[in-house]
Protein backbone atom coordinates (compact mmCIF):
# COMPACT_ATOMS: atom_id res chain seq x y z
CA MET A 1 -9.26 -27.12 -43.56
CA ARG A 2 -7.08 -24.05 -43.01
CA ARG A 3 -4.76 -24.67 -39.89
CA ASN A 4 -4.20 -21.35 -37.35
CA ALA A 5 -0.94 -20.43 -36.59
CA PHE A 6 1.25 -17.60 -35.22
CA THR A 7 3.11 -15.87 -37.76
CA LEU A 8 6.72 -14.82 -37.59
CA VAL A 9 6.19 -11.16 -36.86
CA GLU A 10 3.34 -12.22 -34.24
CA LEU A 11 5.83 -14.45 -32.63
CA LEU A 12 8.60 -11.81 -32.43
CA VAL A 13 6.01 -9.39 -30.96
CA VAL A 14 5.10 -11.63 -28.22
CA ILE A 15 8.60 -12.56 -27.36
CA SER A 16 9.23 -8.83 -26.99
CA ILE A 17 6.69 -8.41 -25.08
CA ILE A 18 7.73 -11.27 -22.59
CA ALA A 19 11.48 -9.86 -22.60
CA LEU A 20 9.91 -6.43 -21.85
CA LEU A 21 8.05 -7.57 -18.88
CA ILE A 22 10.88 -9.74 -17.67
CA ALA A 23 13.25 -6.46 -17.77
CA LEU A 24 10.46 -4.28 -15.89
CA LEU A 25 10.06 -7.30 -13.20
CA LEU A 26 13.63 -8.20 -12.45
CA PRO A 27 14.94 -4.98 -10.43
CA VAL A 28 11.44 -5.38 -8.51
CA LEU A 29 12.03 -8.80 -7.56
CA ALA A 30 15.54 -7.52 -6.84
CA GLN A 31 14.63 -5.12 -4.66
CA ALA A 32 11.89 -7.38 -2.70
CA ARG A 33 14.75 -9.73 -2.10
CA ALA A 34 17.11 -7.23 -1.01
CA TYR A 35 14.48 -5.91 1.44
CA ALA A 36 13.51 -9.26 2.50
CA ASN A 37 16.99 -10.09 3.50
CA SER A 38 17.09 -6.88 5.38
CA VAL A 39 14.47 -7.69 7.49
CA ILE A 40 16.12 -11.25 8.39
CA CYS A 41 19.40 -9.31 9.06
CA MET A 42 17.31 -7.07 11.46
CA SER A 43 15.85 -10.04 13.12
CA ASN A 44 18.86 -11.52 13.62
CA GLN A 45 20.41 -8.61 15.28
CA ARG A 46 17.68 -7.88 17.63
CA GLN A 47 18.03 -11.54 18.85
CA MET A 48 21.60 -10.72 19.36
CA ALA A 49 20.75 -7.59 21.36
CA MET A 50 18.12 -9.35 23.13
CA ALA A 51 20.69 -12.00 24.01
CA LEU A 52 22.92 -9.14 25.39
CA MET A 53 20.55 -7.92 27.91
CA ASP A 54 19.34 -11.35 28.92
CA TYR A 55 23.39 -11.80 29.74
CA GLN A 56 23.62 -8.72 31.59
CA THR A 57 20.69 -9.61 33.76
CA SER A 58 22.28 -12.97 34.33
CA TYR A 59 25.41 -11.40 35.55
CA SER A 60 24.32 -8.34 37.68
CA GLY A 61 24.52 -6.02 35.11
CA ASP A 62 28.29 -6.82 34.23
CA MET A 63 29.40 -7.10 30.38
CA PHE A 64 31.60 -9.86 29.44
CA PRO A 65 35.64 -8.93 28.98
CA TYR A 66 37.71 -9.06 25.84
CA VAL A 67 40.08 -11.70 26.34
CA TYR A 68 43.02 -12.61 23.93
CA ASP A 69 46.21 -13.93 25.42
CA THR A 70 48.84 -15.52 22.68
CA ASN A 71 50.78 -16.92 25.61
CA SER A 72 47.91 -19.19 26.55
CA GLY A 73 45.98 -19.21 23.28
CA LEU A 74 42.75 -17.91 24.80
CA PHE A 75 40.76 -16.27 22.63
CA ASN A 76 37.28 -14.69 24.06
CA THR A 77 35.00 -12.30 22.29
CA TRP A 78 31.49 -11.46 22.52
CA VAL A 79 30.89 -15.01 20.34
CA ILE A 80 31.94 -17.42 22.89
CA PRO A 81 29.93 -15.81 26.47
CA LEU A 82 26.79 -14.45 24.46
CA GLY A 83 26.36 -17.52 22.34
CA PRO A 84 24.26 -19.79 24.88
CA TYR A 85 22.00 -16.62 25.11
CA VAL A 86 21.37 -16.11 21.12
CA VAL A 87 20.42 -19.61 20.39
CA ASN A 88 18.98 -20.54 24.02
CA SER A 89 21.43 -23.42 24.66
CA GLN A 90 22.46 -23.97 28.10
CA LYS A 91 24.05 -21.63 29.62
CA GLN A 92 28.00 -22.22 30.12
CA ALA A 93 29.51 -22.96 33.55
CA ASN A 94 31.67 -19.66 33.51
CA GLN A 95 32.54 -16.89 30.54
CA TYR A 96 35.31 -19.19 28.99
CA SER A 97 33.44 -22.39 28.60
CA SER A 98 31.73 -23.30 25.23
CA ASN A 99 30.56 -27.08 25.16
CA GLN A 100 27.11 -26.57 25.61
CA ILE A 101 26.71 -24.10 22.55
CA ASP A 102 25.43 -25.03 19.35
CA PHE A 103 27.88 -23.29 17.00
CA GLN A 104 25.95 -24.45 13.70
CA LYS A 105 22.75 -22.84 15.28
CA LEU A 106 24.33 -19.92 16.31
CA GLU A 107 26.35 -19.15 12.96
CA SER A 108 23.12 -19.06 11.13
CA VAL A 109 21.84 -16.16 13.41
CA LEU A 110 24.94 -14.23 13.28
CA MET A 111 25.20 -14.16 9.40
CA CYS A 112 23.31 -12.02 7.23
CA PRO A 113 21.37 -13.39 4.12
CA SER A 114 22.62 -11.03 1.92
CA VAL A 115 26.20 -12.43 2.59
CA PRO A 116 27.34 -15.55 1.38
CA ALA A 117 28.68 -17.92 3.79
CA TRP A 118 32.53 -19.08 3.24
CA SER A 119 33.14 -22.96 3.07
CA GLU A 120 35.76 -24.55 5.34
CA ALA A 121 37.87 -25.20 2.21
CA ALA A 122 38.05 -21.33 1.36
CA ILE A 123 38.65 -20.59 4.85
CA ASN A 124 41.65 -22.66 4.99
CA ALA A 125 43.03 -21.67 1.76
CA ASN A 126 42.83 -18.14 2.95
CA GLY A 127 44.76 -18.18 6.49
CA TYR A 128 43.91 -17.19 9.88
CA ALA A 129 41.76 -14.81 9.61
CA PHE A 130 39.89 -12.50 7.39
CA CYS A 131 38.21 -9.32 7.29
CA GLY A 132 34.93 -8.95 5.51
CA GLY A 133 33.38 -6.47 3.46
CA VAL A 134 29.64 -5.26 2.00
CA ALA A 135 29.19 -9.15 0.55
CA GLN A 136 31.73 -10.67 2.37
CA ASN A 137 31.63 -12.28 6.13
CA TRP A 138 34.85 -11.73 8.25
CA TRP A 139 36.34 -15.06 9.86
CA TRP A 140 39.01 -15.90 12.57
CA ASN A 141 40.41 -19.23 12.68
CA GLY A 142 41.57 -19.66 16.18
CA TYR A 143 38.92 -20.96 18.29
CA GLY A 144 40.54 -24.34 18.65
CA GLN A 145 40.04 -24.22 22.56
CA TYR A 146 36.80 -23.85 22.12
CA GLN A 147 36.01 -27.19 20.22
CA PHE A 148 35.31 -25.85 16.66
CA LYS A 149 37.95 -24.65 14.11
CA TYR A 150 36.64 -21.12 12.82
CA PHE A 151 33.91 -18.94 12.88
CA GLN A 152 32.60 -16.44 10.78
CA SER A 153 30.00 -14.03 11.04
CA SER A 154 28.47 -10.61 8.96
CA TYR A 155 28.08 -8.67 12.36
CA GLY A 156 30.13 -6.95 14.90
CA PHE A 157 30.05 -5.72 18.36
CA ASN A 158 30.47 -2.28 19.95
CA SER A 159 33.93 -2.38 21.76
CA TRP A 160 33.00 0.27 23.87
CA LEU A 161 30.60 -2.03 25.73
CA TYR A 162 33.24 -4.71 26.81
CA GLY A 163 33.58 -5.20 30.47
CA PRO A 164 36.57 -5.12 32.75
CA GLY A 165 39.11 -7.72 32.94
CA GLY A 166 40.01 -8.05 29.64
CA THR A 167 43.47 -8.64 27.91
CA SER A 168 44.82 -7.77 24.65
CA GLY A 169 47.83 -9.99 23.16
CA THR A 170 50.30 -10.71 25.96
CA GLN A 171 49.70 -7.50 27.96
CA SER A 172 46.96 -7.42 31.05
CA LEU A 173 44.94 -4.15 30.91
CA ASP A 174 43.63 -1.91 33.72
CA TYR A 175 40.88 -1.04 31.51
CA PHE A 176 39.40 -3.57 29.43
CA VAL A 177 40.96 -3.94 26.60
CA ALA A 178 41.57 -0.46 25.33
CA PRO A 179 44.71 -0.27 22.82
CA SER A 180 47.05 2.31 24.19
CA SER A 181 45.69 5.09 21.38
CA ASN A 182 42.10 4.79 22.66
CA PRO A 183 40.69 6.61 25.99
CA PRO A 184 39.67 4.20 28.67
CA ALA A 185 37.11 6.70 29.70
CA ALA A 186 35.60 6.02 26.45
CA TYR A 187 34.38 2.51 28.07
CA TRP A 188 30.51 2.62 29.16
CA PRO A 189 30.78 2.06 32.91
CA GLY A 190 29.76 -1.27 34.36
CA HIS A 191 25.97 -1.79 35.22
CA SER A 192 25.00 0.98 32.71
CA GLY A 193 21.21 0.43 31.72
CA PRO A 194 20.50 -0.31 28.06
CA ASN A 195 20.62 3.09 26.12
CA SER A 196 18.54 3.73 22.86
CA ASN A 197 21.52 5.47 20.90
CA VAL A 198 24.20 3.26 21.91
CA PRO A 199 24.89 0.57 19.02
CA ALA A 200 25.32 -3.01 20.36
CA PHE A 201 25.67 -4.91 17.20
CA GLY A 202 25.64 -4.35 13.28
CA ASP A 203 26.73 -4.82 10.06
CA ALA A 204 30.56 -4.83 10.08
CA ILE A 205 33.77 -6.03 8.29
CA TRP A 206 35.24 -7.42 11.93
CA VAL A 207 34.49 -9.08 15.03
CA ASP A 208 34.20 -5.65 17.01
CA GLY A 209 35.34 -2.29 16.35
CA GLY A 210 35.37 1.10 19.10
CA PRO A 211 35.00 3.91 16.80
CA LEU A 212 35.81 7.46 17.95
CA GLU A 213 34.18 10.49 16.93
CA ASN A 214 36.95 12.26 15.31
CA ASP A 215 37.31 9.11 12.90
CA PRO A 216 37.45 10.41 9.10
CA ALA A 217 35.29 8.97 6.63
CA PRO A 218 37.10 5.96 4.69
CA SER A 219 37.56 5.87 1.20
CA LEU A 220 34.35 5.31 -0.69
CA SER A 221 36.03 2.23 -2.62
CA TYR A 222 35.86 0.40 0.86
CA VAL A 223 32.15 1.53 1.87
CA THR A 224 30.74 0.31 -1.61
CA GLY A 225 32.90 -3.04 -1.26
CA VAL A 226 34.90 -2.22 -4.50
CA THR A 227 37.96 -2.65 -2.35
CA ASN A 228 38.32 -5.43 -0.38
CA TRP A 229 38.88 -4.62 3.31
CA ALA A 230 42.27 -5.11 5.36
CA TYR A 231 43.77 -4.46 8.52
CA GLN A 232 43.64 -0.93 8.12
CA PRO A 233 44.45 1.18 11.39
CA PRO A 234 42.85 4.57 11.28
CA SER A 235 44.94 7.80 11.96
CA SER A 236 42.80 8.79 14.71
CA GLY A 237 43.01 5.44 16.34
CA GLY A 238 39.22 4.38 16.39
CA ASP A 239 37.30 1.89 14.29
CA MET A 240 34.46 3.56 12.35
CA GLN A 241 35.58 2.35 9.28
CA ARG A 242 34.80 -0.97 10.31
CA TRP A 243 31.05 -0.54 10.29
CA CYS A 244 31.06 2.06 6.89
CA LEU A 245 29.13 -0.42 4.50
CA THR A 246 26.67 0.15 2.00
CA ARG A 247 25.33 -3.63 2.81
CA HIS A 248 21.70 -2.52 2.83
CA GLY A 249 20.72 -0.10 0.34
CA ASN A 250 23.19 3.21 1.43
CA GLY A 251 24.16 1.74 5.02
CA VAL A 252 23.95 -0.84 7.65
CA ASN A 253 21.36 -2.30 10.22
CA ILE A 254 22.59 -1.39 13.78
CA ALA A 255 21.00 -3.08 16.64
CA PHE A 256 21.00 -0.79 20.00
CA TRP A 257 21.64 -1.30 23.51
CA ASP A 258 17.89 -1.41 24.50
CA GLY A 259 16.94 -3.96 21.86
CA HIS A 260 15.58 -1.90 19.29
CA VAL A 261 16.91 -2.08 15.51
CA GLU A 262 17.46 0.39 12.56
CA HIS A 263 18.57 0.94 9.22
CA VAL A 264 21.25 3.61 9.62
CA GLU A 265 22.81 5.54 6.68
CA VAL A 266 26.50 5.44 6.43
CA LYS A 267 26.87 9.12 7.00
CA GLN A 268 24.87 8.95 10.09
CA LEU A 269 27.17 6.64 11.80
CA TRP A 270 28.79 9.51 13.81
CA ASN A 271 25.30 10.79 15.13
CA LEU A 272 25.07 7.63 17.36
CA SER A 273 26.62 7.24 20.78
CA TRP A 274 29.04 4.54 20.38
CA ALA A 275 31.44 5.59 23.31
CA ALA A 276 30.92 7.11 26.71
CA GLY A 277 30.84 11.12 26.54
CA TRP A 278 30.47 10.96 22.63
CA SER A 279 29.72 14.64 21.19
CA ALA A 280 28.52 13.56 17.83
CA HIS A 281 30.68 16.33 15.99
CA PRO A 282 31.48 14.39 12.78
CA PRO A 283 34.85 15.29 10.80
CA ALA A 284 33.88 17.25 7.27
CA SER A 285 34.92 14.35 5.42
CA VAL A 286 31.75 12.43 6.60
CA SER A 287 29.29 14.93 4.42
CA GLN A 288 31.04 13.30 1.23
CA MET A 289 29.65 9.90 2.19
CA PRO A 290 26.77 8.39 0.56
């Protein structure tokens, strides 16, 4: 009896067809994965924005201050006061206590699935703090007073939403946490209602940042993640470079003060109302952004 079998030519044709199908499917699968990650990222940020609204309701419309005092070691950005509202755990006795926060659960919400998490060993090997990038989380290794060693996240908070009573370094400030180069009038006034064009959270390279409307466009090598971010003070005094990432396609996801979330192209970031009195006149360099 004659035995049926593939010839070498037939086998090579079949292998070629399979390889072609794989080559065609891989980009589609990658796009689907990227889209799924972006959807999860938006869901995370919406949860954070709703937590912010819940916090304001609990404190009669007030926002939490930024506190960083090198004398006492107290460090309190949005992570600590907002944490229980994000993970629906028991609320703190005050703005500076954190014993009731489930930090592991909180951290899972505050990390974009497109960005791999840092291990504790890697954080210990890289020092006290680290700015992130397109595919890197930021971390701050200075939360010891809150019963956990470090914290990492893919997202930042709009600094112009911090409330009064903050400190920076060893100097108490009359106007929230505004550095000398930033105008105190740019902070949104207390008890302001949620605004649909004011960013609250978004993909970012640092814990927070207060952009100014005349901030120039950063180098494309930073925007695309080719060059790692560093603590680079902009010439204009604002922090727009902390938000200029091509993490999701050609831009980032932004959660607004009213709770909705959008994908925003990098060059459109200047059209959002980050600070009070924003006039949305981007510098000429912005037109060259992706």
